[in-house]
Amino acid sequence: MHYFGLRRSMRLRISATWPTALHGIHYSAGGVLRFRPAPEFRERGRGVVRAAARQALDDIVRPITSEHMPSALDKAQNALALRLSAWGPAAEGCPMEIRASITLRLAPEDRARSQAYDDARREQQLRHHLDTDQIDHLRHRVLVSADAARAWWIDLHRDGDRPISWEEFNTQVLPYVGNAQDPQSKAMRAAAVLAQVMERLDGDPGRHQQFRATTRVVLQQMNWEDLADEL
């Protein structure tokens, strides 16, 4: 068993960069690393001991800093202080103890990249909230009735813009109205369906004639001879 506390410590000034949780952005660090090797390890030479201590510090610090976003610099700093403020084994089975006093900071270019990321993230969050609010408005205010939906469509076009055509409104918006069972809505949906039927039949003369004949029979059975004659 090695009594590290009875051994003279060595020190090494540290200047390093360690990763943050955001790819491409790093913490810059400076401070002092202290290490106490066991006698048999010290005999391997000062250079070897210093390299082993420096590598042990990297192995301890990297997993900690890489869990923190650049904006969480204070939390990363505190986590390092808790881990490195007291003497502890450099690594499992390593005959050396280390401790360190490290100060983290963000270099100007990393700070700028972090700020750009935070700004872009806020913009995306704002856009998401606005989209959510708009969807909620459509669901709870617009699509609750056919009259509300038509009023919404008129309001969209009162300045002369046409973001949604009347045909698109009838075929793509009105069917989603929760209570679109008024006669006008039903008639519009029926007209839209029949228009699509005739459009499909334009390229098939045989089926077009079949549809007209079938429709004529249906109208005659309903005693609507005048409409049957129109076909």
Protein backbone atom coordinates (compact mmCIF):
# COMPACT_ATOMS: atom_id res chain seq x y z
CA MET A 1 0.00 0.00 0.00
CA HIS A 2 1.36 3.44 -0.93
CA TYR A 3 1.00 6.33 1.47
CA PHE A 4 0.73 9.06 -1.12
CA GLY A 5 -0.02 11.73 1.46
CA LEU A 6 3.49 11.35 2.87
CA ARG A 7 5.11 11.98 -0.53
CA ARG A 8 6.13 15.30 -1.98
CA SER A 9 3.73 16.41 -4.69
CA MET A 10 4.69 17.60 -8.14
CA ARG A 11 2.89 20.27 -10.11
CA LEU A 12 2.19 21.05 -13.75
CA ARG A 13 0.58 24.16 -15.21
CA ILE A 14 -2.31 23.24 -17.49
CA SER A 15 -3.54 24.87 -20.69
CA ALA A 16 -6.08 22.79 -22.59
CA THR A 17 -9.31 22.63 -24.56
CA TRP A 18 -11.99 20.11 -23.71
CA PRO A 19 -15.22 19.28 -25.57
CA THR A 20 -18.66 20.55 -24.63
CA ALA A 21 -21.94 18.77 -25.31
CA LEU A 22 -22.25 20.83 -28.50
CA HIS A 23 -20.18 19.47 -31.36
CA GLY A 24 -17.43 21.83 -32.53
CA ILE A 25 -17.47 24.06 -29.43
CA HIS A 26 -14.89 23.62 -26.68
CA TYR A 27 -14.13 24.88 -23.23
CA SER A 28 -10.71 26.48 -22.90
CA ALA A 29 -9.05 25.71 -19.59
CA GLY A 30 -6.15 26.82 -17.50
CA GLY A 31 -4.93 25.90 -14.05
CA VAL A 32 -2.58 23.76 -12.03
CA LEU A 33 -2.40 19.97 -11.84
CA ARG A 34 -0.76 18.43 -8.78
CA PHE A 35 0.23 14.77 -8.57
CA ARG A 36 1.84 12.45 -6.03
CA PRO A 37 3.40 9.33 -7.56
CA ALA A 38 4.46 6.33 -5.56
CA PRO A 39 8.25 5.97 -5.22
CA GLU A 40 8.52 3.11 -7.69
CA PHE A 41 6.54 5.10 -10.27
CA ARG A 42 8.60 8.24 -9.68
CA GLU A 43 11.69 6.23 -10.54
CA ARG A 44 10.47 5.89 -14.12
CA GLY A 45 11.39 9.50 -14.67
CA ARG A 46 9.82 12.91 -14.36
CA GLY A 47 8.70 13.00 -17.99
CA VAL A 48 6.82 9.70 -17.72
CA VAL A 49 5.14 10.74 -14.48
CA ARG A 50 4.09 14.11 -15.89
CA ALA A 51 2.69 12.48 -19.04
CA ALA A 52 0.75 9.92 -17.00
CA ALA A 53 -0.69 12.63 -14.75
CA ARG A 54 -1.67 14.76 -17.72
CA GLN A 55 -3.35 11.82 -19.44
CA ALA A 56 -5.19 10.91 -16.24
CA LEU A 57 -6.50 14.47 -16.00
CA ASP A 58 -7.80 14.33 -19.58
CA ASP A 59 -9.49 10.98 -18.91
CA ILE A 60 -11.28 12.46 -15.88
CA VAL A 61 -12.24 15.82 -17.34
CA ARG A 62 -13.44 14.95 -20.86
CA PRO A 63 -16.49 12.86 -19.78
CA ILE A 64 -17.51 15.69 -17.44
CA THR A 65 -17.24 18.64 -19.83
CA SER A 66 -18.77 16.73 -22.73
CA GLU A 67 -22.00 16.40 -20.72
CA HIS A 68 -22.44 20.19 -20.45
CA MET A 69 -23.59 22.70 -23.04
CA PRO A 70 -21.35 25.74 -23.61
CA SER A 71 -23.88 27.97 -21.85
CA ALA A 72 -23.64 25.71 -18.76
CA LEU A 73 -20.04 26.71 -18.08
CA ASP A 74 -20.68 27.30 -14.35
CA LYS A 75 -22.17 23.84 -13.92
CA ALA A 76 -19.21 22.25 -15.70
CA GLN A 77 -16.83 24.29 -13.54
CA ASN A 78 -18.55 23.12 -10.35
CA ALA A 79 -18.54 19.48 -11.50
CA LEU A 80 -14.78 19.65 -12.09
CA ALA A 81 -14.20 21.28 -8.71
CA LEU A 82 -16.14 18.53 -6.93
CA ARG A 83 -14.19 15.84 -8.76
CA LEU A 84 -10.67 17.32 -8.58
CA SER A 85 -10.51 19.46 -5.44
CA ALA A 86 -9.38 16.55 -3.22
CA TRP A 87 -6.61 14.06 -3.75
CA GLY A 88 -7.77 10.93 -5.50
CA PRO A 89 -6.39 8.05 -7.59
CA ALA A 90 -5.31 9.09 -11.07
CA ALA A 91 -6.94 5.93 -12.40
CA GLU A 92 -7.88 2.51 -11.13
CA GLY A 93 -4.71 0.66 -10.21
CA CYS A 94 -2.47 3.64 -10.99
CA PRO A 95 0.23 4.28 -8.32
CA MET A 96 -0.38 8.03 -8.31
CA GLU A 97 -2.83 10.50 -6.85
CA ILE A 98 -3.86 13.77 -8.49
CA ARG A 99 -5.79 16.91 -7.74
CA ALA A 100 -6.26 20.04 -9.83
CA SER A 101 -7.50 23.59 -9.79
CA ILE A 102 -9.00 24.28 -13.22
CA THR A 103 -10.73 27.38 -14.58
CA LEU A 104 -12.95 26.97 -17.62
CA ARG A 105 -13.82 29.70 -20.10
CA LEU A 106 -15.16 30.06 -23.63
CA ALA A 107 -12.85 31.54 -26.23
CA PRO A 108 -14.44 34.39 -28.25
CA GLU A 109 -15.00 32.23 -31.33
CA ASP A 110 -16.58 29.44 -29.25
CA ARG A 111 -18.73 31.97 -27.42
CA ALA A 112 -19.92 33.35 -30.77
CA ARG A 113 -20.75 29.87 -32.07
CA SER A 114 -22.59 29.05 -28.85
CA GLN A 115 -24.59 32.28 -29.07
CA ALA A 116 -25.47 31.55 -32.72
CA TYR A 117 -26.70 28.08 -31.72
CA ASP A 118 -28.78 29.47 -28.83
CA ASP A 119 -30.29 32.13 -31.11
CA ALA A 120 -31.17 29.55 -33.77
CA ARG A 121 -32.66 27.25 -31.13
CA ARG A 122 -34.80 30.04 -29.70
CA GLU A 123 -36.00 30.92 -33.19
CA GLN A 124 -36.98 27.30 -33.84
CA GLN A 125 -38.76 27.09 -30.48
CA LEU A 126 -40.64 30.31 -31.22
CA ARG A 127 -41.65 29.03 -34.65
CA HIS A 128 -42.80 25.76 -33.08
CA HIS A 129 -44.91 27.61 -30.49
CA LEU A 130 -46.43 29.84 -33.17
CA ASP A 131 -47.25 26.81 -35.32
CA THR A 132 -48.80 25.09 -32.30
CA ASP A 133 -50.87 28.17 -31.49
CA GLN A 134 -52.05 28.39 -35.10
CA ILE A 135 -53.04 24.73 -35.17
CA ASP A 136 -54.90 25.12 -31.87
CA HIS A 137 -56.69 28.17 -33.28
CA LEU A 138 -57.73 26.25 -36.37
CA ARG A 139 -58.86 23.24 -34.37
CA HIS A 140 -60.77 25.06 -31.63
CA ARG A 141 -61.94 28.21 -33.40
CA VAL A 142 -62.06 27.70 -37.15
CA LEU A 143 -62.99 24.08 -37.72
CA VAL A 144 -65.77 24.00 -35.16
CA SER A 145 -68.44 25.00 -37.69
CA ALA A 146 -68.89 25.63 -41.38
CA ASP A 147 -69.82 29.26 -40.74
CA ALA A 148 -66.66 29.85 -38.69
CA ALA A 149 -64.55 28.24 -41.40
CA ARG A 150 -66.10 30.40 -44.13
CA ALA A 151 -65.60 33.54 -42.02
CA TRP A 152 -61.95 32.57 -41.58
CA TRP A 153 -61.56 32.11 -45.34
CA ILE A 154 -63.16 35.52 -46.03
CA ASP A 155 -60.83 37.15 -43.47
CA LEU A 156 -57.82 35.64 -45.24
CA HIS A 157 -58.86 37.27 -48.51
CA ARG A 158 -60.12 40.66 -47.36
CA ASP A 159 -56.88 42.36 -48.47
CA GLY A 160 -57.07 40.87 -51.94
CA ASP A 161 -54.63 38.03 -51.30
CA ARG A 162 -55.59 34.48 -52.23
CA PRO A 163 -53.54 32.13 -50.05
CA ILE A 164 -56.27 29.48 -50.31
CA SER A 165 -58.56 29.32 -53.32
CA TRP A 166 -62.28 28.73 -52.88
CA GLU A 167 -61.94 25.33 -54.53
CA GLU A 168 -59.12 24.34 -52.18
CA PHE A 169 -61.17 25.56 -49.24
CA ASN A 170 -64.16 23.43 -50.28
CA THR A 171 -62.17 20.29 -50.99
CA GLN A 172 -59.36 20.48 -48.41
CA VAL A 173 -60.56 22.63 -45.51
CA LEU A 174 -64.32 22.27 -45.24
CA PRO A 175 -64.27 18.44 -44.98
CA TYR A 176 -62.34 18.79 -41.69
CA VAL A 177 -64.94 21.04 -40.11
CA GLY A 178 -66.33 19.33 -37.05
CA ASN A 179 -69.95 20.23 -37.78
CA ALA A 180 -70.05 20.81 -41.53
CA GLN A 181 -73.51 19.27 -41.95
CA ASP A 182 -75.37 22.36 -43.07
CA PRO A 183 -77.07 22.15 -46.48
CA GLN A 184 -74.56 24.48 -48.14
CA SER A 185 -71.56 22.44 -46.97
CA LYS A 186 -73.19 19.18 -48.03
CA ALA A 187 -74.01 20.63 -51.44
CA MET A 188 -70.46 21.90 -51.88
CA ARG A 189 -68.94 18.56 -50.97
CA ALA A 190 -71.32 16.74 -53.31
CA ALA A 191 -70.51 19.18 -56.12
CA ALA A 192 -66.80 18.77 -55.51
CA VAL A 193 -67.10 14.96 -55.66
CA LEU A 194 -69.15 15.06 -58.86
CA ALA A 195 -66.65 17.46 -60.42
CA GLN A 196 -63.84 15.03 -59.66
CA VAL A 197 -65.90 12.16 -61.08
CA MET A 198 -66.45 14.01 -64.37
CA GLU A 199 -62.77 14.94 -64.51
CA ARG A 200 -61.78 11.28 -64.20
CA LEU A 201 -64.33 10.22 -66.81
CA ASP A 202 -63.03 12.67 -69.41
CA GLY A 203 -60.23 10.29 -70.30
CA ASP A 204 -62.49 7.23 -70.53
CA PRO A 205 -65.36 7.72 -73.04
CA GLY A 206 -66.78 4.25 -72.42
CA ARG A 207 -67.12 4.70 -68.68
CA HIS A 208 -68.36 8.25 -69.25
CA GLN A 209 -71.31 6.94 -71.25
CA GLN A 210 -71.93 4.26 -68.63
CA PHE A 211 -71.98 6.84 -65.85
CA ARG A 212 -74.40 9.10 -67.73
CA ALA A 213 -76.73 6.18 -68.44
CA THR A 214 -76.65 5.03 -64.81
CA THR A 215 -77.22 8.57 -63.53
CA ARG A 216 -80.16 9.04 -65.94
CA VAL A 217 -81.81 5.87 -64.59
CA VAL A 218 -81.34 7.04 -60.99
CA LEU A 219 -82.87 10.44 -61.75
CA GLN A 220 -85.82 8.84 -63.55
CA GLN A 221 -86.44 6.54 -60.58
CA MET A 222 -86.53 9.62 -58.37
CA ASN A 223 -89.12 11.18 -60.74
CA TRP A 224 -86.73 13.93 -61.74
CA GLU A 225 -87.34 13.59 -65.43
CA ASP A 226 -86.31 17.18 -66.15
CA LEU A 227 -82.85 16.54 -64.73
CA ALA A 228 -82.60 13.21 -66.52
CA ASP A 229 -83.32 14.97 -69.82
CA GLU A 230 -80.41 17.32 -69.17
CA LEU A 231 -78.05 14.33 -69.47
